[in-house]
Amino acid sequence: MKVHFPKVVLDIVSRPHGTKGFVLLPRSWVVERTFAWLGLYRRLSKDYEKLVENSAGMIYLASIHCLDAWLYHELGSAYMLSPSDGFWRLLRIA
């Protein structure tokens, strides 16, 4: 089933009918891997925050850190993420 939102297509994958045991669903590992990476951050592993806004901010920070580490691994040390005008931009270090 596909659900369309503005600028987003959500594809819901359900388990095939009449199957028993383990069934590999397409691309479900991407979501599980992302949650596992975010679960490695101490402040996201438990409900430490009192406000939802603080938890959302910590999720953003952890996501930025994961993206920065991935970019460093893929592109080398010549690139870095930098905040600029409220947006994060990829800068090339000369």
N, C-alpha and C. Protein backbone atom coordinates (compact mmCIF):
# COMPACT_ATOMS: atom_id res chain seq x y z
N MET A 1 0.85 -1.16 0.00
CA MET A 1 0.00 0.00 0.00
C MET A 1 0.90 1.23 0.00
N LYS A 2 0.60 2.21 -0.86
CA LYS A 2 1.35 3.45 -0.91
C LYS A 2 0.46 4.60 -0.45
N VAL A 3 1.01 5.42 0.43
CA VAL A 3 0.31 6.59 0.94
C VAL A 3 1.09 7.81 0.46
N HIS A 4 0.40 8.76 -0.13
CA HIS A 4 1.05 9.95 -0.67
C HIS A 4 0.79 11.15 0.23
N PHE A 5 1.86 11.77 0.67
CA PHE A 5 1.83 13.03 1.39
C PHE A 5 2.51 14.06 0.52
N PRO A 6 2.40 15.34 0.82
CA PRO A 6 3.14 16.32 0.03
C PRO A 6 4.64 16.05 0.10
N LYS A 7 5.26 15.80 -1.03
CA LYS A 7 6.71 15.58 -1.20
C LYS A 7 7.20 14.27 -0.60
N VAL A 8 6.32 13.40 -0.11
CA VAL A 8 6.74 12.13 0.50
C VAL A 8 5.82 11.02 0.02
N VAL A 9 6.40 9.87 -0.32
CA VAL A 9 5.62 8.68 -0.64
C VAL A 9 5.97 7.63 0.41
N LEU A 10 5.00 7.22 1.18
CA LEU A 10 5.18 6.22 2.22
C LEU A 10 4.70 4.88 1.68
N ASP A 11 5.61 3.92 1.57
CA ASP A 11 5.28 2.60 1.05
C ASP A 11 5.22 1.64 2.23
N ILE A 12 4.04 1.17 2.57
CA ILE A 12 3.85 0.27 3.71
C ILE A 12 3.93 -1.16 3.20
N VAL A 13 4.89 -1.92 3.71
CA VAL A 13 5.10 -3.30 3.30
C VAL A 13 4.55 -4.21 4.38
N SER A 14 3.60 -5.05 4.03
CA SER A 14 3.02 -5.96 5.01
C SER A 14 3.50 -7.38 4.74
N ARG A 15 3.36 -8.20 5.73
CA ARG A 15 3.79 -9.59 5.63
C ARG A 15 2.87 -10.34 4.66
N PRO A 16 3.44 -11.18 3.80
CA PRO A 16 2.60 -11.95 2.87
C PRO A 16 1.62 -12.86 3.63
N HIS A 17 0.40 -12.97 3.13
CA HIS A 17 -0.62 -13.78 3.79
C HIS A 17 -0.28 -15.26 3.67
N GLY A 18 -0.54 -16.01 4.73
CA GLY A 18 -0.35 -17.45 4.71
C GLY A 18 1.08 -17.90 4.94
N THR A 19 1.96 -17.02 5.41
CA THR A 19 3.35 -17.42 5.66
C THR A 19 3.57 -17.64 7.14
N LYS A 20 4.47 -18.56 7.46
CA LYS A 20 4.84 -18.83 8.83
C LYS A 20 6.35 -18.65 8.96
N GLY A 21 6.78 -18.28 10.16
CA GLY A 21 8.20 -18.14 10.41
C GLY A 21 8.75 -16.82 9.89
N PHE A 22 10.07 -16.80 9.74
CA PHE A 22 10.76 -15.59 9.32
C PHE A 22 10.57 -15.33 7.84
N VAL A 23 10.22 -14.10 7.50
CA VAL A 23 10.09 -13.68 6.11
C VAL A 23 10.84 -12.36 5.96
N LEU A 24 11.79 -12.31 5.04
CA LEU A 24 12.55 -11.10 4.82
C LEU A 24 11.70 -10.10 4.03
N LEU A 25 11.46 -8.94 4.65
CA LEU A 25 10.68 -7.90 3.99
C LEU A 25 11.63 -6.93 3.31
N PRO A 26 11.27 -6.42 2.14
CA PRO A 26 12.19 -5.57 1.41
C PRO A 26 12.45 -4.25 2.13
N ARG A 27 13.73 -3.91 2.24
CA ARG A 27 14.23 -2.65 2.78
C ARG A 27 13.87 -2.38 4.24
N SER A 28 13.37 -3.34 4.98
CA SER A 28 13.05 -3.09 6.39
C SER A 28 14.33 -2.95 7.20
N TRP A 29 15.43 -3.51 6.72
CA TRP A 29 16.69 -3.43 7.44
C TRP A 29 17.20 -2.00 7.52
N VAL A 30 16.84 -1.15 6.57
CA VAL A 30 17.31 0.24 6.58
C VAL A 30 16.77 0.96 7.81
N VAL A 31 15.50 0.78 8.09
CA VAL A 31 14.89 1.43 9.25
C VAL A 31 15.47 0.85 10.54
N GLU A 32 15.60 -0.47 10.60
CA GLU A 32 16.13 -1.11 11.80
C GLU A 32 17.57 -0.70 12.05
N ARG A 33 18.39 -0.58 10.99
CA ARG A 33 19.78 -0.15 11.13
C ARG A 33 19.83 1.28 11.65
N THR A 34 18.98 2.15 11.15
CA THR A 34 18.97 3.54 11.58
C THR A 34 18.59 3.64 13.06
N PHE A 35 17.57 2.90 13.48
CA PHE A 35 17.19 2.91 14.89
C PHE A 35 18.31 2.35 15.76
N ALA A 36 19.04 1.36 15.28
CA ALA A 36 20.16 0.79 16.04
C ALA A 36 21.27 1.82 16.19
N TRP A 37 21.58 2.56 15.13
CA TRP A 37 22.61 3.60 15.23
C TRP A 37 22.21 4.67 16.22
N LEU A 38 20.94 5.11 16.17
CA LEU A 38 20.49 6.15 17.08
C LEU A 38 20.43 5.64 18.51
N GLY A 39 20.17 4.34 18.69
CA GLY A 39 20.12 3.76 20.03
C GLY A 39 21.47 3.70 20.72
N LEU A 40 22.56 3.89 19.97
CA LEU A 40 23.89 3.89 20.57
C LEU A 40 24.18 5.16 21.36
N TYR A 41 23.40 6.20 21.15
CA TYR A 41 23.59 7.46 21.86
C TYR A 41 22.89 7.36 23.21
N ARG A 42 23.63 7.66 24.28
CA ARG A 42 23.16 7.45 25.64
C ARG A 42 21.86 8.20 25.93
N ARG A 43 21.75 9.44 25.46
CA ARG A 43 20.56 10.23 25.77
C ARG A 43 19.35 9.78 24.97
N LEU A 44 19.54 8.95 23.96
CA LEU A 44 18.41 8.42 23.21
C LEU A 44 18.03 7.01 23.64
N SER A 45 18.88 6.39 24.47
CA SER A 45 18.62 5.01 24.86
C SER A 45 17.51 4.91 25.92
N LYS A 46 17.32 5.96 26.68
CA LYS A 46 16.27 6.00 27.71
C LYS A 46 15.52 7.31 27.59
N ASP A 47 14.41 7.44 28.31
CA ASP A 47 13.66 8.69 28.33
C ASP A 47 14.22 9.61 29.41
N TYR A 48 15.35 10.27 29.11
CA TYR A 48 15.94 11.19 30.07
C TYR A 48 15.28 12.56 30.02
N GLU A 49 14.77 12.95 28.87
CA GLU A 49 14.26 14.30 28.67
C GLU A 49 12.83 14.44 29.19
N LYS A 50 12.52 15.61 29.74
CA LYS A 50 11.17 15.88 30.21
C LYS A 50 10.29 16.42 29.09
N LEU A 51 10.89 17.14 28.15
CA LEU A 51 10.14 17.75 27.06
C LEU A 51 10.38 17.00 25.75
N VAL A 52 9.33 16.89 24.96
CA VAL A 52 9.43 16.22 23.66
C VAL A 52 10.37 17.00 22.74
N GLU A 53 10.38 18.33 22.86
CA GLU A 53 11.25 19.15 22.02
C GLU A 53 12.71 18.83 22.28
N ASN A 54 13.09 18.56 23.53
CA ASN A 54 14.47 18.20 23.84
C ASN A 54 14.83 16.86 23.23
N SER A 55 13.92 15.89 23.28
CA SER A 55 14.18 14.59 22.66
C SER A 55 14.33 14.72 21.16
N ALA A 56 13.48 15.54 20.54
CA ALA A 56 13.58 15.75 19.09
C ALA A 56 14.91 16.41 18.74
N GLY A 57 15.35 17.35 19.55
CA GLY A 57 16.64 17.99 19.32
C GLY A 57 17.79 17.01 19.42
N MET A 58 17.72 16.09 20.38
CA MET A 58 18.79 15.09 20.52
C MET A 58 18.78 14.13 19.34
N ILE A 59 17.60 13.81 18.80
CA ILE A 59 17.53 12.96 17.61
C ILE A 59 18.18 13.67 16.42
N TYR A 60 17.91 14.97 16.27
CA TYR A 60 18.55 15.74 15.20
C TYR A 60 20.06 15.75 15.35
N LEU A 61 20.55 15.99 16.58
CA LEU A 61 22.00 16.03 16.80
C LEU A 61 22.65 14.68 16.50
N ALA A 62 22.02 13.60 16.95
CA ALA A 62 22.57 12.27 16.68
C ALA A 62 22.55 11.96 15.19
N SER A 63 21.49 12.37 14.49
CA SER A 63 21.41 12.15 13.05
C SER A 63 22.49 12.94 12.31
N ILE A 64 22.72 14.17 12.74
CA ILE A 64 23.77 14.99 12.12
C ILE A 64 25.13 14.35 12.37
N HIS A 65 25.35 13.84 13.57
CA HIS A 65 26.63 13.19 13.87
C HIS A 65 26.82 11.94 13.02
N CYS A 66 25.77 11.14 12.85
CA CYS A 66 25.86 9.94 12.00
C CYS A 66 26.15 10.32 10.55
N LEU A 67 25.47 11.36 10.05
CA LEU A 67 25.70 11.81 8.68
C LEU A 67 27.12 12.34 8.51
N ASP A 68 27.60 13.09 9.48
CA ASP A 68 28.96 13.62 9.41
C ASP A 68 29.99 12.49 9.40
N ALA A 69 29.79 11.47 10.23
CA ALA A 69 30.71 10.34 10.25
C ALA A 69 30.67 9.58 8.93
N TRP A 70 29.47 9.43 8.35
CA TRP A 70 29.35 8.74 7.07
C TRP A 70 30.06 9.52 5.97
N LEU A 71 29.86 10.85 5.95
CA LEU A 71 30.52 11.68 4.94
C LEU A 71 32.03 11.63 5.09
N TYR A 72 32.52 11.65 6.32
CA TYR A 72 33.96 11.56 6.55
C TYR A 72 34.50 10.24 6.02
N HIS A 73 33.76 9.17 6.26
CA HIS A 73 34.19 7.85 5.79
C HIS A 73 34.15 7.76 4.26
N GLU A 74 33.09 8.30 3.65
CA GLU A 74 32.92 8.20 2.20
C GLU A 74 33.78 9.18 1.42
N LEU A 75 33.89 10.41 1.91
CA LEU A 75 34.54 11.47 1.14
C LEU A 75 35.93 11.82 1.63
N GLY A 76 36.30 11.35 2.80
CA GLY A 76 37.60 11.68 3.35
C GLY A 76 37.55 12.95 4.19
N SER A 77 38.69 13.35 4.68
CA SER A 77 38.75 14.49 5.60
C SER A 77 38.72 15.83 4.87
N ALA A 78 38.59 15.85 3.53
CA ALA A 78 38.56 17.10 2.78
C ALA A 78 37.20 17.78 2.86
N TYR A 79 36.18 17.12 3.42
CA TYR A 79 34.85 17.68 3.51
C TYR A 79 34.40 17.71 4.96
N MET A 80 33.51 18.65 5.27
CA MET A 80 32.93 18.71 6.61
C MET A 80 31.55 19.34 6.53
N LEU A 81 30.69 18.99 7.49
CA LEU A 81 29.38 19.63 7.61
C LEU A 81 29.54 20.90 8.45
N SER A 82 28.90 21.96 8.02
CA SER A 82 29.00 23.22 8.74
C SER A 82 27.64 23.91 8.76
N PRO A 83 27.23 24.43 9.93
CA PRO A 83 25.96 25.16 9.97
C PRO A 83 26.13 26.52 9.29
N SER A 84 25.18 26.88 8.44
CA SER A 84 25.26 28.16 7.74
C SER A 84 23.84 28.65 7.48
N ASP A 85 23.51 29.80 8.00
CA ASP A 85 22.19 30.41 7.80
C ASP A 85 21.05 29.48 8.21
N GLY A 86 21.22 28.72 9.26
CA GLY A 86 20.18 27.84 9.73
C GLY A 86 20.10 26.51 9.00
N PHE A 87 20.98 26.29 8.03
CA PHE A 87 21.01 25.03 7.30
C PHE A 87 22.40 24.42 7.43
N TRP A 88 22.48 23.10 7.31
CA TRP A 88 23.78 22.42 7.32
C TRP A 88 24.25 22.28 5.88
N ARG A 89 25.47 22.70 5.62
CA ARG A 89 26.02 22.66 4.27
C ARG A 89 27.29 21.82 4.26
N LEU A 90 27.54 21.16 3.15
CA LEU A 90 28.75 20.37 2.97
C LEU A 90 29.83 21.28 2.40
N LEU A 91 30.91 21.48 3.13
CA LEU A 91 31.99 22.38 2.73
C LEU A 91 33.22 21.57 2.34
N ARG A 92 33.89 22.01 1.31
CA ARG A 92 35.16 21.41 0.92
C ARG A 92 36.29 22.20 1.56
N ILE A 93 37.14 21.51 2.29
CA ILE A 93 38.27 22.14 2.96
C ILE A 93 39.45 22.12 2.00
N ALA A 94 39.96 23.29 1.70
CA ALA A 94 41.06 23.38 0.72
C ALA A 94 42.40 23.05 1.34
